[in-house]
Amino acid sequence: MITASLNEYRQSPRKVRLLADMVRGKDVNKALVILGFATKRGAAPMAKLIESAVANATHNFSLDADKLFVKEIQVRAF
């Protein structure tokens, strides 16, 4: 399992969870397109987070980026 995390992001989890629900279970490329057209403030940081997870997968585990998808994404309040 490839992970990436976004810490210290100051926005309501309720609002960010709307974006997480839109990309959960989608292909990585499709998720990035969806976030590119989203008009929410949290779309850019979430896209950057997904790109970071893809970079981790390709660099550390030599996986093909075209075959990856968003299996699980969580938004937690601290």
Protein backbone atom coordinates (compact mmCIF):
# COMPACT_ATOMS: atom_id res chain seq x y z
CA MET A 1 0.00 0.00 0.00
CA ILE A 2 1.37 3.38 -1.03
CA THR A 3 0.66 6.26 1.32
CA ALA A 4 0.99 10.01 1.32
CA SER A 5 -0.23 12.45 3.92
CA LEU A 6 -1.12 16.12 4.09
CA ASN A 7 -0.60 17.57 7.54
CA GLU A 8 -1.41 21.01 8.93
CA TYR A 9 -3.97 21.87 6.25
CA ARG A 10 -6.32 24.49 7.64
CA GLN A 11 -9.76 23.96 6.18
CA SER A 12 -12.90 22.36 7.49
CA PRO A 13 -12.78 18.56 7.17
CA ARG A 14 -16.39 18.62 6.07
CA LYS A 15 -15.50 20.67 3.00
CA VAL A 16 -12.42 18.61 2.13
CA ARG A 17 -14.39 15.38 2.56
CA LEU A 18 -16.59 16.44 -0.38
CA LEU A 19 -13.52 16.32 -2.62
CA ALA A 20 -12.34 13.05 -1.13
CA ASP A 21 -15.70 11.47 -1.93
CA MET A 22 -15.42 12.62 -5.55
CA VAL A 23 -12.08 10.86 -6.17
CA ARG A 24 -12.37 7.76 -3.98
CA GLY A 25 -12.20 4.59 -6.09
CA LYS A 26 -11.24 6.42 -9.28
CA ASP A 27 -8.25 5.93 -11.55
CA VAL A 28 -5.43 8.34 -10.61
CA ASN A 29 -5.52 10.19 -13.94
CA LYS A 30 -9.30 10.56 -13.76
CA ALA A 31 -9.08 11.76 -10.16
CA LEU A 32 -6.58 14.46 -11.13
CA VAL A 33 -8.84 15.61 -13.98
CA ILE A 34 -11.82 15.78 -11.60
CA LEU A 35 -9.81 17.82 -9.11
CA GLY A 36 -8.57 20.07 -11.91
CA PHE A 37 -12.13 21.07 -12.73
CA ALA A 38 -13.32 21.30 -9.11
CA THR A 39 -13.98 24.82 -7.90
CA LYS A 40 -13.24 24.11 -4.25
CA ARG A 41 -10.26 25.58 -2.42
CA GLY A 42 -9.01 22.18 -1.30
CA ALA A 43 -8.80 20.77 -4.84
CA ALA A 44 -5.23 21.93 -5.49
CA PRO A 45 -3.74 20.53 -2.25
CA MET A 46 -5.57 17.24 -2.75
CA ALA A 47 -4.30 16.97 -6.33
CA LYS A 48 -0.80 17.63 -5.05
CA LEU A 49 -1.29 14.89 -2.44
CA ILE A 50 -2.36 12.37 -5.09
CA GLU A 51 0.59 13.33 -7.29
CA SER A 52 2.87 12.78 -4.29
CA ALA A 53 1.43 9.30 -3.73
CA VAL A 54 1.96 8.47 -7.42
CA ALA A 55 5.56 9.71 -7.20
CA ASN A 56 6.11 7.52 -4.12
CA ALA A 57 4.72 4.50 -5.96
CA THR A 58 6.80 4.99 -9.09
CA HIS A 59 10.04 5.83 -7.33
CA ASN A 60 10.03 3.52 -4.33
CA PHE A 61 8.17 0.53 -5.75
CA SER A 62 8.70 0.87 -9.54
CA LEU A 63 4.96 0.67 -10.25
CA ASP A 64 3.31 1.85 -13.47
CA ALA A 65 1.50 5.14 -12.82
CA ASP A 66 -1.22 4.35 -15.38
CA LYS A 67 -2.39 1.31 -13.41
CA LEU A 68 -2.82 3.08 -10.06
CA PHE A 69 -6.13 4.09 -8.51
CA VAL A 70 -7.29 5.77 -5.32
CA LYS A 71 -8.26 2.88 -3.08
CA GLU A 72 -8.64 4.74 0.20
CA ILE A 73 -8.59 8.40 1.12
CA GLN A 74 -9.34 9.72 4.60
CA VAL A 75 -9.99 13.17 5.96
CA ARG A 76 -9.48 13.47 9.68
CA ALA A 77 -9.79 16.45 12.02
CA PHE A 78 -7.08 17.07 14.59
